[in-house]
Amino acid sequence: MNKQAARYGAITLSLAATSVLAADAAVAGMAITNRVDKLLLSIAIGLGQGFQPVCGINYGAGRTERVKQAYSFLVKVSASVMTLSALGVFIFAPEIVRLFRDDDAVVAVGALALRMQSAVMPFHSLIFGTNMLLQVAGEKKSASLLSSMRQGLLFIPCIFILPHVVKFFGAEAILGVQMTQMVCDFLAALFAVPFTVRFFRKLKS
């Protein structure tokens, strides 16, 4: 992320006096975005960790209906909380970034990236909820695969491919860096759906 931000930020940003300053601003903007995103993710993770013992006890006791109810409750509550958080972040993105760094170039990069990531925050309820569910049920391979998608299996190719894709359509390459995490989160949520469906079908049988 840092290398790609520095590379394309130096080429794109016109608010900084030199390419070195522009690269630094792009890296700083993306770093701030990631810190804020991880802070908000801790909410979804915390709710998921609270769900795990409830799910585990009922799963072990064979109370499949309660497992379903607990999972449904987790996803609904987590999605609601993350949606409210996302709205606040989307509205006040420039102000949030400026709290960390009062620099127009940093704000230009960070605010847009933060708004993009806030658009997919409600999907974290599905990503982390399903991952916690699979962990408790002992679905080790599925849980490991799903947990490695968001910042591994999907992120690594996307961070290299998306700058070229947006550039092909006439946008600045830095936009591809800014939208990478958003795209990865959305794809990870899509991948979580078949994992969830498969688990509950197996649970029913």
N, C-alpha and C. Protein backbone atom coordinates (compact mmCIF):
# COMPACT_ATOMS: atom_id res chain seq x y z
N MET A 1 0.83 -1.20 0.00
CA MET A 1 0.00 0.00 0.00
C MET A 1 0.86 1.26 0.00
N ASN A 2 1.87 1.28 0.89
CA ASN A 2 2.74 2.46 0.97
C ASN A 2 3.52 2.70 -0.32
N LYS A 3 4.04 1.62 -0.89
CA LYS A 3 4.82 1.75 -2.12
C LYS A 3 3.95 2.24 -3.28
N GLN A 4 2.76 1.69 -3.40
CA GLN A 4 1.86 2.10 -4.47
C GLN A 4 1.36 3.52 -4.28
N ALA A 5 1.07 3.88 -3.03
CA ALA A 5 0.62 5.25 -2.74
C ALA A 5 1.72 6.26 -3.06
N ALA A 6 2.95 5.93 -2.67
CA ALA A 6 4.08 6.83 -2.95
C ALA A 6 4.32 6.94 -4.45
N ARG A 7 4.23 5.82 -5.13
CA ARG A 7 4.49 5.80 -6.58
C ARG A 7 3.49 6.66 -7.34
N TYR A 8 2.21 6.43 -7.11
CA TYR A 8 1.19 7.13 -7.89
C TYR A 8 0.85 8.50 -7.30
N GLY A 9 1.10 8.67 -6.00
CA GLY A 9 0.88 9.98 -5.39
C GLY A 9 1.86 11.01 -5.90
N ALA A 10 3.10 10.59 -6.11
CA ALA A 10 4.13 11.50 -6.63
C ALA A 10 3.80 11.98 -8.03
N ILE A 11 3.14 11.12 -8.80
CA ILE A 11 2.79 11.46 -10.18
C ILE A 11 1.55 12.35 -10.23
N THR A 12 0.60 12.10 -9.31
CA THR A 12 -0.72 12.70 -9.41
C THR A 12 -0.88 14.03 -8.70
N LEU A 13 -0.44 14.09 -7.43
CA LEU A 13 -0.76 15.26 -6.62
C LEU A 13 -0.11 16.54 -7.14
N SER A 14 -0.90 17.56 -7.25
CA SER A 14 -0.39 18.86 -7.70
C SER A 14 -0.38 19.87 -6.56
N LEU A 15 -0.85 19.44 -5.39
CA LEU A 15 -0.92 20.36 -4.25
C LEU A 15 0.42 20.50 -3.56
N ALA A 16 1.31 19.53 -3.76
CA ALA A 16 2.63 19.58 -3.12
C ALA A 16 3.65 20.19 -4.07
N ALA A 17 4.69 20.76 -3.48
CA ALA A 17 5.69 21.47 -4.28
C ALA A 17 6.58 20.53 -5.07
N THR A 18 6.88 19.37 -4.53
CA THR A 18 7.77 18.43 -5.20
C THR A 18 7.16 17.04 -5.20
N SER A 19 7.71 16.17 -6.02
CA SER A 19 7.21 14.80 -6.09
C SER A 19 7.46 14.05 -4.79
N VAL A 20 8.55 14.41 -4.09
CA VAL A 20 8.85 13.76 -2.81
C VAL A 20 7.78 14.10 -1.78
N LEU A 21 7.43 15.37 -1.72
CA LEU A 21 6.38 15.80 -0.80
C LEU A 21 5.04 15.18 -1.18
N ALA A 22 4.77 15.08 -2.46
CA ALA A 22 3.52 14.51 -2.93
C ALA A 22 3.43 13.03 -2.54
N ALA A 23 4.53 12.31 -2.69
CA ALA A 23 4.57 10.90 -2.31
C ALA A 23 4.33 10.74 -0.82
N ASP A 24 4.97 11.59 -0.02
CA ASP A 24 4.79 11.55 1.43
C ASP A 24 3.34 11.83 1.82
N ALA A 25 2.73 12.78 1.13
CA ALA A 25 1.34 13.14 1.41
C ALA A 25 0.40 11.98 1.10
N ALA A 26 0.65 11.30 -0.01
CA ALA A 26 -0.19 10.16 -0.40
C ALA A 26 -0.07 9.02 0.61
N VAL A 27 1.15 8.74 1.03
CA VAL A 27 1.38 7.68 2.02
C VAL A 27 0.72 8.05 3.34
N ALA A 28 0.87 9.30 3.76
CA ALA A 28 0.27 9.76 5.02
C ALA A 28 -1.26 9.68 4.95
N GLY A 29 -1.84 10.08 3.82
CA GLY A 29 -3.29 10.04 3.67
C GLY A 29 -3.84 8.63 3.76
N MET A 30 -3.16 7.68 3.12
CA MET A 30 -3.60 6.29 3.16
C MET A 30 -3.38 5.67 4.54
N ALA A 31 -2.28 6.06 5.20
CA ALA A 31 -2.00 5.54 6.54
C ALA A 31 -3.07 5.98 7.54
N ILE A 32 -3.47 7.24 7.46
CA ILE A 32 -4.52 7.76 8.34
C ILE A 32 -5.84 7.03 8.07
N THR A 33 -6.14 6.84 6.80
CA THR A 33 -7.36 6.13 6.43
C THR A 33 -7.39 4.74 7.02
N ASN A 34 -6.29 4.03 6.92
CA ASN A 34 -6.23 2.67 7.45
C ASN A 34 -6.36 2.63 8.96
N ARG A 35 -5.77 3.62 9.65
CA ARG A 35 -5.87 3.66 11.11
C ARG A 35 -7.32 3.89 11.55
N VAL A 36 -7.99 4.81 10.90
CA VAL A 36 -9.39 5.09 11.25
C VAL A 36 -10.26 3.87 10.94
N ASP A 37 -10.02 3.25 9.80
CA ASP A 37 -10.78 2.07 9.41
C ASP A 37 -10.60 0.94 10.43
N LYS A 38 -9.37 0.71 10.87
CA LYS A 38 -9.10 -0.36 11.83
C LYS A 38 -9.73 -0.06 13.19
N LEU A 39 -9.77 1.21 13.57
CA LEU A 39 -10.41 1.59 14.82
C LEU A 39 -11.90 1.23 14.78
N LEU A 40 -12.55 1.51 13.67
CA LEU A 40 -13.97 1.20 13.54
C LEU A 40 -14.20 -0.30 13.38
N LEU A 41 -13.26 -0.99 12.75
CA LEU A 41 -13.37 -2.44 12.61
C LEU A 41 -13.36 -3.14 13.96
N SER A 42 -12.71 -2.53 14.93
CA SER A 42 -12.65 -3.14 16.26
C SER A 42 -14.04 -3.28 16.87
N ILE A 43 -14.98 -2.44 16.44
CA ILE A 43 -16.36 -2.56 16.92
C ILE A 43 -16.96 -3.86 16.42
N ALA A 44 -16.83 -4.11 15.11
CA ALA A 44 -17.37 -5.34 14.53
C ALA A 44 -16.68 -6.57 15.11
N ILE A 45 -15.37 -6.47 15.31
CA ILE A 45 -14.63 -7.60 15.88
C ILE A 45 -15.07 -7.86 17.32
N GLY A 46 -15.25 -6.78 18.09
CA GLY A 46 -15.70 -6.93 19.47
C GLY A 46 -17.07 -7.58 19.58
N LEU A 47 -17.98 -7.17 18.72
CA LEU A 47 -19.31 -7.78 18.71
C LEU A 47 -19.20 -9.26 18.33
N GLY A 48 -18.34 -9.56 17.37
CA GLY A 48 -18.14 -10.94 16.95
C GLY A 48 -17.56 -11.80 18.07
N GLN A 49 -16.65 -11.24 18.84
CA GLN A 49 -16.07 -11.99 19.95
C GLN A 49 -17.09 -12.24 21.05
N GLY A 50 -18.02 -11.31 21.23
CA GLY A 50 -19.10 -11.52 22.18
C GLY A 50 -20.07 -12.60 21.71
N PHE A 51 -20.19 -12.73 20.40
CA PHE A 51 -21.07 -13.73 19.80
C PHE A 51 -20.50 -15.14 19.91
N GLN A 52 -19.19 -15.27 19.90
CA GLN A 52 -18.55 -16.58 19.85
C GLN A 52 -18.93 -17.53 20.99
N PRO A 53 -18.87 -17.10 22.27
CA PRO A 53 -19.26 -18.05 23.32
C PRO A 53 -20.73 -18.46 23.26
N VAL A 54 -21.59 -17.51 22.89
CA VAL A 54 -23.02 -17.83 22.75
C VAL A 54 -23.22 -18.87 21.66
N CYS A 55 -22.55 -18.65 20.53
CA CYS A 55 -22.64 -19.58 19.41
C CYS A 55 -22.03 -20.94 19.79
N GLY A 56 -20.88 -20.90 20.44
CA GLY A 56 -20.18 -22.13 20.78
C GLY A 56 -20.96 -23.03 21.72
N ILE A 57 -21.56 -22.43 22.74
CA ILE A 57 -22.34 -23.20 23.72
C ILE A 57 -23.53 -23.87 23.05
N ASN A 58 -24.24 -23.11 22.23
CA ASN A 58 -25.44 -23.65 21.58
C ASN A 58 -25.10 -24.62 20.45
N TYR A 59 -24.00 -24.36 19.76
CA TYR A 59 -23.56 -25.29 18.71
C TYR A 59 -23.16 -26.63 19.34
N GLY A 60 -22.44 -26.58 20.44
CA GLY A 60 -22.02 -27.79 21.13
C GLY A 60 -23.19 -28.58 21.70
N ALA A 61 -24.24 -27.84 22.08
CA ALA A 61 -25.43 -28.49 22.65
C ALA A 61 -26.41 -28.96 21.58
N GLY A 62 -26.08 -28.67 20.32
CA GLY A 62 -26.96 -29.08 19.23
C GLY A 62 -28.19 -28.20 19.07
N ARG A 63 -28.17 -27.00 19.65
CA ARG A 63 -29.33 -26.09 19.55
C ARG A 63 -29.15 -25.23 18.31
N THR A 64 -29.41 -25.82 17.17
CA THR A 64 -29.14 -25.16 15.89
C THR A 64 -29.97 -23.90 15.67
N GLU A 65 -31.18 -23.89 16.19
CA GLU A 65 -32.03 -22.71 16.01
C GLU A 65 -31.45 -21.51 16.74
N ARG A 66 -30.88 -21.75 17.89
CA ARG A 66 -30.26 -20.66 18.64
C ARG A 66 -28.98 -20.16 17.97
N VAL A 67 -28.28 -21.05 17.32
CA VAL A 67 -27.10 -20.64 16.56
C VAL A 67 -27.52 -19.68 15.45
N LYS A 68 -28.58 -20.02 14.75
CA LYS A 68 -29.10 -19.17 13.68
C LYS A 68 -29.55 -17.82 14.22
N GLN A 69 -30.28 -17.86 15.36
CA GLN A 69 -30.77 -16.62 15.96
C GLN A 69 -29.62 -15.72 16.40
N ALA A 70 -28.60 -16.33 17.01
CA ALA A 70 -27.45 -15.56 17.48
C ALA A 70 -26.70 -14.93 16.31
N TYR A 71 -26.53 -15.69 15.24
CA TYR A 71 -25.83 -15.17 14.05
C TYR A 71 -26.64 -14.03 13.42
N SER A 72 -27.93 -14.22 13.30
CA SER A 72 -28.79 -13.19 12.72
C SER A 72 -28.76 -11.92 13.57
N PHE A 73 -28.80 -12.08 14.88
CA PHE A 73 -28.74 -10.94 15.78
C PHE A 73 -27.42 -10.19 15.64
N LEU A 74 -26.33 -10.95 15.57
CA LEU A 74 -24.99 -10.35 15.42
C LEU A 74 -24.91 -9.52 14.15
N VAL A 75 -25.32 -10.09 13.03
CA VAL A 75 -25.22 -9.40 11.75
C VAL A 75 -26.07 -8.13 11.74
N LYS A 76 -27.28 -8.21 12.30
CA LYS A 76 -28.17 -7.05 12.31
C LYS A 76 -27.62 -5.92 13.18
N VAL A 77 -27.18 -6.27 14.39
CA VAL A 77 -26.66 -5.25 15.31
C VAL A 77 -25.37 -4.65 14.77
N SER A 78 -24.47 -5.51 14.32
CA SER A 78 -23.19 -5.05 13.79
C SER A 78 -23.39 -4.16 12.57
N ALA A 79 -24.29 -4.57 11.67
CA ALA A 79 -24.56 -3.77 10.47
C ALA A 79 -25.13 -2.41 10.84
N SER A 80 -26.00 -2.36 11.84
CA SER A 80 -26.60 -1.10 12.27
C SER A 80 -25.55 -0.16 12.85
N VAL A 81 -24.70 -0.70 13.72
CA VAL A 81 -23.65 0.10 14.34
C VAL A 81 -22.65 0.60 13.30
N MET A 82 -22.26 -0.28 12.39
CA MET A 82 -21.29 0.09 11.38
C MET A 82 -21.86 1.09 10.38
N THR A 83 -23.16 1.00 10.12
CA THR A 83 -23.80 1.97 9.22
C THR A 83 -23.79 3.36 9.82
N LEU A 84 -24.12 3.45 11.11
CA LEU A 84 -24.09 4.74 11.79
C LEU A 84 -22.67 5.31 11.82
N SER A 85 -21.71 4.45 12.09
CA SER A 85 -20.30 4.88 12.09
C SER A 85 -19.88 5.35 10.70
N ALA A 86 -20.31 4.61 9.69
CA ALA A 86 -19.95 4.94 8.31
C ALA A 86 -20.52 6.30 7.89
N LEU A 87 -21.73 6.59 8.32
CA LEU A 87 -22.34 7.88 7.98
C LEU A 87 -21.54 9.03 8.58
N GLY A 88 -21.13 8.86 9.85
CA GLY A 88 -20.32 9.90 10.49
C GLY A 88 -18.99 10.08 9.79
N VAL A 89 -18.35 8.99 9.43
CA VAL A 89 -17.06 9.05 8.75
C VAL A 89 -17.21 9.67 7.37
N PHE A 90 -18.24 9.30 6.64
CA PHE A 90 -18.45 9.83 5.29
C PHE A 90 -18.65 11.35 5.32
N ILE A 91 -19.45 11.81 6.27
CA ILE A 91 -19.76 13.24 6.34
C ILE A 91 -18.56 14.06 6.78
N PHE A 92 -17.84 13.54 7.77
CA PHE A 92 -16.75 14.32 8.37
C PHE A 92 -15.37 13.81 7.99
N ALA A 93 -15.25 13.12 6.87
CA ALA A 93 -13.96 12.56 6.44
C ALA A 93 -12.84 13.58 6.38
N PRO A 94 -13.02 14.75 5.74
CA PRO A 94 -11.91 15.72 5.69
C PRO A 94 -11.48 16.19 7.08
N GLU A 95 -12.46 16.42 7.95
CA GLU A 95 -12.15 16.89 9.31
C GLU A 95 -11.41 15.81 10.10
N ILE A 96 -11.79 14.55 9.90
CA ILE A 96 -11.13 13.45 10.60
C ILE A 96 -9.67 13.34 10.18
N VAL A 97 -9.43 13.41 8.88
CA VAL A 97 -8.05 13.32 8.38
C VAL A 97 -7.23 14.51 8.88
N ARG A 98 -7.85 15.67 8.91
CA ARG A 98 -7.13 16.88 9.34
C ARG A 98 -6.76 16.85 10.82
N LEU A 99 -7.47 16.05 11.60
CA LEU A 99 -7.11 15.89 13.01
C LEU A 99 -5.71 15.28 13.15
N PHE A 100 -5.35 14.43 12.19
CA PHE A 100 -4.05 13.77 12.22
C PHE A 100 -2.97 14.58 11.51
N ARG A 101 -3.36 15.25 10.43
CA ARG A 101 -2.36 15.97 9.62
C ARG A 101 -3.04 17.16 8.93
N ASP A 102 -2.66 18.35 9.31
CA ASP A 102 -3.26 19.55 8.73
C ASP A 102 -2.51 19.93 7.46
N ASP A 103 -2.78 19.15 6.41
CA ASP A 103 -2.09 19.34 5.13
C ASP A 103 -3.11 19.07 4.03
N ASP A 104 -3.27 20.02 3.13
CA ASP A 104 -4.28 19.90 2.09
C ASP A 104 -4.07 18.68 1.20
N ALA A 105 -2.82 18.36 0.88
CA ALA A 105 -2.53 17.21 0.03
C ALA A 105 -2.89 15.90 0.72
N VAL A 106 -2.58 15.82 2.01
CA VAL A 106 -2.90 14.63 2.79
C VAL A 106 -4.42 14.47 2.88
N VAL A 107 -5.10 15.56 3.15
CA VAL A 107 -6.57 15.53 3.25
C VAL A 107 -7.19 15.12 1.92
N ALA A 108 -6.64 15.61 0.80
CA ALA A 108 -7.17 15.29 -0.53
C ALA A 108 -7.13 13.79 -0.79
N VAL A 109 -6.06 13.14 -0.38
CA VAL A 109 -5.93 11.69 -0.57
C VAL A 109 -6.75 10.94 0.46
N GLY A 110 -6.57 11.30 1.73
CA GLY A 110 -7.18 10.54 2.82
C GLY A 110 -8.69 10.64 2.89
N ALA A 111 -9.24 11.82 2.65
CA ALA A 111 -10.69 12.00 2.77
C ALA A 111 -11.45 11.15 1.75
N LEU A 112 -10.98 11.13 0.51
CA LEU A 112 -11.66 10.34 -0.52
C LEU A 112 -11.54 8.84 -0.21
N ALA A 113 -10.35 8.41 0.19
CA ALA A 113 -10.15 6.99 0.53
C ALA A 113 -11.03 6.60 1.72
N LEU A 114 -11.13 7.48 2.71
CA LEU A 114 -11.93 7.21 3.89
C LEU A 114 -13.41 7.12 3.55
N ARG A 115 -13.86 7.98 2.67
CA ARG A 115 -15.27 7.94 2.25
C ARG A 115 -15.56 6.65 1.47
N MET A 116 -14.62 6.23 0.66
CA MET A 116 -14.81 4.97 -0.08
C MET A 116 -14.90 3.79 0.88
N GLN A 117 -14.03 3.76 1.87
CA GLN A 117 -14.05 2.66 2.81
C GLN A 117 -15.29 2.69 3.70
N SER A 118 -15.77 3.88 4.01
CA SER A 118 -16.98 3.97 4.83
C SER A 118 -18.20 3.40 4.09
N ALA A 119 -18.15 3.44 2.75
CA ALA A 119 -19.28 2.93 1.96
C ALA A 119 -19.49 1.42 2.13
N VAL A 120 -18.43 0.70 2.49
CA VAL A 120 -18.54 -0.75 2.64
C VAL A 120 -18.46 -1.21 4.10
N MET A 121 -18.41 -0.28 5.03
CA MET A 121 -18.32 -0.66 6.44
C MET A 121 -19.46 -1.57 6.92
N PRO A 122 -20.70 -1.34 6.49
CA PRO A 122 -21.78 -2.24 6.93
C PRO A 122 -21.54 -3.70 6.53
N PHE A 123 -20.77 -3.94 5.47
CA PHE A 123 -20.50 -5.31 5.03
C PHE A 123 -19.57 -6.06 5.99
N HIS A 124 -18.90 -5.32 6.86
CA HIS A 124 -18.01 -5.98 7.83
C HIS A 124 -18.79 -6.89 8.76
N SER A 125 -20.05 -6.56 8.98
CA SER A 125 -20.88 -7.41 9.85
C SER A 125 -20.97 -8.82 9.28
N LEU A 126 -21.06 -8.93 7.98
CA LEU A 126 -21.16 -10.23 7.32
C LEU A 126 -19.80 -10.92 7.28
N ILE A 127 -18.75 -10.16 6.97
CA ILE A 127 -17.41 -10.74 6.86
C ILE A 127 -16.96 -11.32 8.20
N PHE A 128 -16.99 -10.48 9.23
CA PHE A 128 -16.50 -10.92 10.54
C PHE A 128 -17.48 -11.86 11.23
N GLY A 129 -18.78 -11.64 11.02
CA GLY A 129 -19.77 -12.53 11.62
C GLY A 129 -19.62 -13.96 11.12
N THR A 130 -19.47 -14.10 9.82
CA THR A 130 -19.31 -15.43 9.22
C THR A 130 -18.00 -16.06 9.65
N ASN A 131 -16.95 -15.25 9.70
CA ASN A 131 -15.65 -15.77 10.11
C ASN A 131 -15.67 -16.28 11.55
N MET A 132 -16.31 -15.53 12.44
CA MET A 132 -16.43 -15.96 13.84
C MET A 132 -17.26 -17.24 13.94
N LEU A 133 -18.31 -17.32 13.15
CA LEU A 133 -19.18 -18.50 13.14
C LEU A 133 -18.40 -19.74 12.72
N LEU A 134 -17.63 -19.62 11.66
CA LEU A 134 -16.86 -20.76 11.15
C LEU A 134 -15.77 -21.18 12.13
N GLN A 135 -15.16 -20.20 12.80
CA GLN A 135 -14.13 -20.53 13.79
C GLN A 135 -14.71 -21.36 14.92
N VAL A 136 -15.85 -20.93 15.44
CA VAL A 136 -16.48 -21.63 16.57
C VAL A 136 -16.90 -23.04 16.17
N ALA A 137 -17.37 -23.19 14.94
CA ALA A 137 -17.87 -24.49 14.47
C ALA A 137 -16.74 -25.43 14.07
N GLY A 138 -15.51 -24.96 14.14
CA GLY A 138 -14.38 -25.82 13.80
C GLY A 138 -14.13 -25.96 12.32
N GLU A 139 -14.72 -25.05 11.52
CA GLU A 139 -14.49 -25.06 10.07
C GLU A 139 -13.19 -24.30 9.79
N LYS A 140 -12.07 -24.94 10.10
CA LYS A 140 -10.78 -24.27 10.08
C LYS A 140 -10.37 -23.78 8.70
N LYS A 141 -10.52 -24.63 7.71
CA LYS A 141 -10.09 -24.25 6.35
C LYS A 141 -10.92 -23.09 5.82
N SER A 142 -12.24 -23.19 5.99
CA SER A 142 -13.13 -22.13 5.50
C SER A 142 -12.87 -20.82 6.24
N ALA A 143 -12.69 -20.90 7.56
CA ALA A 143 -12.44 -19.70 8.36
C ALA A 143 -11.12 -19.04 7.97
N SER A 144 -10.09 -19.86 7.77
CA SER A 144 -8.77 -19.33 7.39
C SER A 144 -8.81 -18.69 6.01
N LEU A 145 -9.51 -19.34 5.08
CA LEU A 145 -9.62 -18.81 3.73
C LEU A 145 -10.35 -17.47 3.72
N LEU A 146 -11.46 -17.40 4.44
CA LEU A 146 -12.25 -16.17 4.47
C LEU A 146 -11.49 -15.04 5.15
N SER A 147 -10.79 -15.35 6.24
CA SER A 147 -10.06 -14.30 6.97
C SER A 147 -8.86 -13.78 6.19
N SER A 148 -8.32 -14.59 5.29
CA SER A 148 -7.14 -14.17 4.52
C SER A 148 -7.52 -13.40 3.25
N MET A 149 -8.80 -13.33 2.93
CA MET A 149 -9.20 -12.68 1.69
C MET A 149 -9.08 -11.17 1.74
N ARG A 150 -9.59 -10.56 2.79
CA ARG A 150 -9.74 -9.11 2.85
C ARG A 150 -8.42 -8.37 2.71
N GLN A 151 -7.38 -8.82 3.40
CA GLN A 151 -6.10 -8.12 3.34
C GLN A 151 -4.98 -9.02 2.86
N GLY A 152 -5.33 -10.02 2.06
CA GLY A 152 -4.31 -10.91 1.55
C GLY A 152 -4.60 -11.36 0.13
N LEU A 153 -5.41 -12.40 0.01
CA LEU A 153 -5.68 -13.00 -1.29
C LEU A 153 -6.33 -12.03 -2.28
N LEU A 154 -7.15 -11.14 -1.78
CA LEU A 154 -7.80 -10.15 -2.66
C LEU A 154 -7.00 -8.85 -2.72
N PHE A 155 -6.47 -8.45 -1.58
CA PHE A 155 -5.81 -7.14 -1.49
C PHE A 155 -4.56 -7.05 -2.37
N ILE A 156 -3.73 -8.06 -2.31
CA ILE A 156 -2.43 -8.00 -3.02
C ILE A 156 -2.60 -7.84 -4.54
N PRO A 157 -3.43 -8.66 -5.20
CA PRO A 157 -3.61 -8.41 -6.63
C PRO A 157 -4.31 -7.10 -6.95
N CYS A 158 -5.29 -6.73 -6.10
CA CYS A 158 -6.06 -5.51 -6.36
C CYS A 158 -5.19 -4.25 -6.28
N ILE A 159 -4.25 -4.20 -5.33
CA ILE A 159 -3.43 -3.01 -5.16
C ILE A 159 -2.51 -2.79 -6.36
N PHE A 160 -2.23 -3.85 -7.10
CA PHE A 160 -1.39 -3.72 -8.30
C PHE A 160 -2.23 -3.52 -9.56
N ILE A 161 -3.41 -4.12 -9.59
CA ILE A 161 -4.24 -4.09 -10.81
C ILE A 161 -5.09 -2.82 -10.91
N LEU A 162 -5.74 -2.42 -9.82
CA LEU A 162 -6.71 -1.32 -9.88
C LEU A 162 -6.13 0.01 -10.36
N PRO A 163 -4.90 0.41 -9.98
CA PRO A 163 -4.37 1.67 -10.54
C PRO A 163 -4.32 1.68 -12.06
N HIS A 164 -4.02 0.53 -12.66
CA HIS A 164 -3.97 0.44 -14.12
C HIS A 164 -5.39 0.45 -14.72
N VAL A 165 -6.32 -0.17 -13.99
CA VAL A 165 -7.71 -0.21 -14.48
C VAL A 165 -8.31 1.19 -14.51
N VAL A 166 -8.17 1.94 -13.42
CA VAL A 166 -8.76 3.29 -13.40
C VAL A 166 -8.05 4.22 -14.37
N LYS A 167 -6.76 3.99 -14.55
CA LYS A 167 -6.00 4.81 -15.51
C LYS A 167 -6.48 4.54 -16.94
N PHE A 168 -6.84 3.31 -17.21
CA PHE A 168 -7.36 2.94 -18.53
C PHE A 168 -8.66 3.68 -18.84
N PHE A 169 -9.45 3.92 -17.78
CA PHE A 169 -10.73 4.63 -17.96
C PHE A 169 -10.59 6.15 -17.80
N GLY A 170 -9.36 6.63 -17.75
CA GLY A 170 -9.14 8.08 -17.76
C GLY A 170 -8.98 8.73 -16.41
N ALA A 171 -9.01 7.95 -15.32
CA ALA A 171 -8.85 8.53 -13.98
C ALA A 171 -7.37 8.48 -13.58
N GLU A 172 -7.04 9.21 -12.53
CA GLU A 172 -5.68 9.19 -12.00
C GLU A 172 -5.42 7.85 -11.32
N ALA A 173 -4.21 7.34 -11.47
CA ALA A 173 -3.87 6.01 -10.94
C ALA A 173 -4.00 5.93 -9.42
N ILE A 174 -3.81 7.06 -8.72
CA ILE A 174 -3.90 7.06 -7.25
C ILE A 174 -5.30 6.65 -6.80
N LEU A 175 -6.29 6.88 -7.65
CA LEU A 175 -7.66 6.48 -7.32
C LEU A 175 -7.75 4.96 -7.13
N GLY A 176 -6.99 4.22 -7.92
CA GLY A 176 -6.97 2.77 -7.77
C GLY A 176 -6.45 2.33 -6.43
N VAL A 177 -5.46 3.07 -5.91
CA VAL A 177 -4.93 2.79 -4.57
C VAL A 177 -5.96 3.13 -3.51
N GLN A 178 -6.62 4.27 -3.68
CA GLN A 178 -7.61 4.71 -2.70
C GLN A 178 -8.81 3.77 -2.60
N MET A 179 -9.18 3.15 -3.70
CA MET A 179 -10.38 2.31 -3.70
C MET A 179 -10.08 0.83 -3.48
N THR A 180 -8.82 0.46 -3.33
CA THR A 180 -8.47 -0.96 -3.20
C THR A 180 -9.15 -1.64 -2.03
N GLN A 181 -9.05 -1.04 -0.84
CA GLN A 181 -9.63 -1.69 0.35
C GLN A 181 -11.15 -1.79 0.23
N MET A 182 -11.78 -0.78 -0.36
CA MET A 182 -13.23 -0.81 -0.56
C MET A 182 -13.62 -1.99 -1.44
N VAL A 183 -12.91 -2.17 -2.54
CA VAL A 183 -13.19 -3.28 -3.46
C VAL A 183 -12.97 -4.62 -2.78
N CYS A 184 -11.88 -4.73 -2.03
CA CYS A 184 -11.57 -5.99 -1.34
C CYS A 184 -12.62 -6.33 -0.29
N ASP A 185 -13.08 -5.33 0.46
CA ASP A 185 -14.11 -5.57 1.47
C ASP A 185 -15.42 -6.03 0.82
N PHE A 186 -15.77 -5.40 -0.28
CA PHE A 186 -17.00 -5.78 -0.98
C PHE A 186 -16.91 -7.21 -1.51
N LEU A 187 -15.79 -7.55 -2.12
CA LEU A 187 -15.60 -8.91 -2.64
C LEU A 187 -15.57 -9.94 -1.52
N ALA A 188 -14.93 -9.59 -0.40
CA ALA A 188 -14.88 -10.51 0.75
C ALA A 188 -16.28 -10.77 1.29
N ALA A 189 -17.12 -9.74 1.31
CA ALA A 189 -18.51 -9.91 1.75
C ALA A 189 -19.27 -10.83 0.80
N LEU A 190 -19.03 -10.69 -0.49
CA LEU A 190 -19.67 -11.58 -1.47
C LEU A 190 -19.23 -13.03 -1.26
N PHE A 191 -17.94 -13.22 -0.99
CA PHE A 191 -17.43 -14.56 -0.75
C PHE A 191 -17.99 -15.16 0.55
N ALA A 192 -18.32 -14.30 1.51
CA ALA A 192 -18.85 -14.78 2.79
C ALA A 192 -20.23 -15.40 2.65
N VAL A 193 -20.98 -14.96 1.65
CA VAL A 193 -22.36 -15.45 1.47
C VAL A 193 -22.41 -16.96 1.22
N PRO A 194 -21.68 -17.49 0.23
CA PRO A 194 -21.73 -18.94 0.02
C PRO A 194 -21.19 -19.74 1.20
N PHE A 195 -20.21 -19.18 1.93
CA PHE A 195 -19.73 -19.86 3.14
C PHE A 195 -20.85 -19.98 4.17
N THR A 196 -21.62 -18.90 4.33
CA THR A 196 -22.72 -18.90 5.30
C THR A 196 -23.82 -19.86 4.89
N VAL A 197 -24.20 -19.81 3.62
CA VAL A 197 -25.26 -20.69 3.12
C VAL A 197 -24.85 -22.15 3.27
N ARG A 198 -23.63 -22.45 2.90
CA ARG A 198 -23.13 -23.83 3.01
C ARG A 198 -23.14 -24.30 4.47
N PHE A 199 -22.72 -23.43 5.39
CA PHE A 199 -22.66 -23.83 6.80
C PHE A 199 -24.06 -24.16 7.34
N PHE A 200 -25.03 -23.29 7.08
CA PHE A 200 -26.36 -23.52 7.64
C PHE A 200 -27.09 -24.67 6.96
N ARG A 201 -26.78 -24.94 5.71
CA ARG A 201 -27.31 -26.14 5.06
C ARG A 201 -26.74 -27.39 5.72
N LYS A 202 -25.46 -27.34 6.00
CA LYS A 202 -24.80 -28.47 6.68
C LYS A 202 -25.35 -28.63 8.09
N LEU A 203 -25.60 -27.52 8.75
CA LEU A 203 -26.14 -27.54 10.12
C LEU A 203 -27.54 -28.15 10.13
N LYS A 204 -28.32 -27.80 9.14
CA LYS A 204 -29.69 -28.32 9.04
C LYS A 204 -29.70 -29.83 8.81
N SER A 205 -28.79 -30.27 7.95
CA SER A 205 -28.76 -31.72 7.64
C SER A 205 -28.19 -32.53 8.79
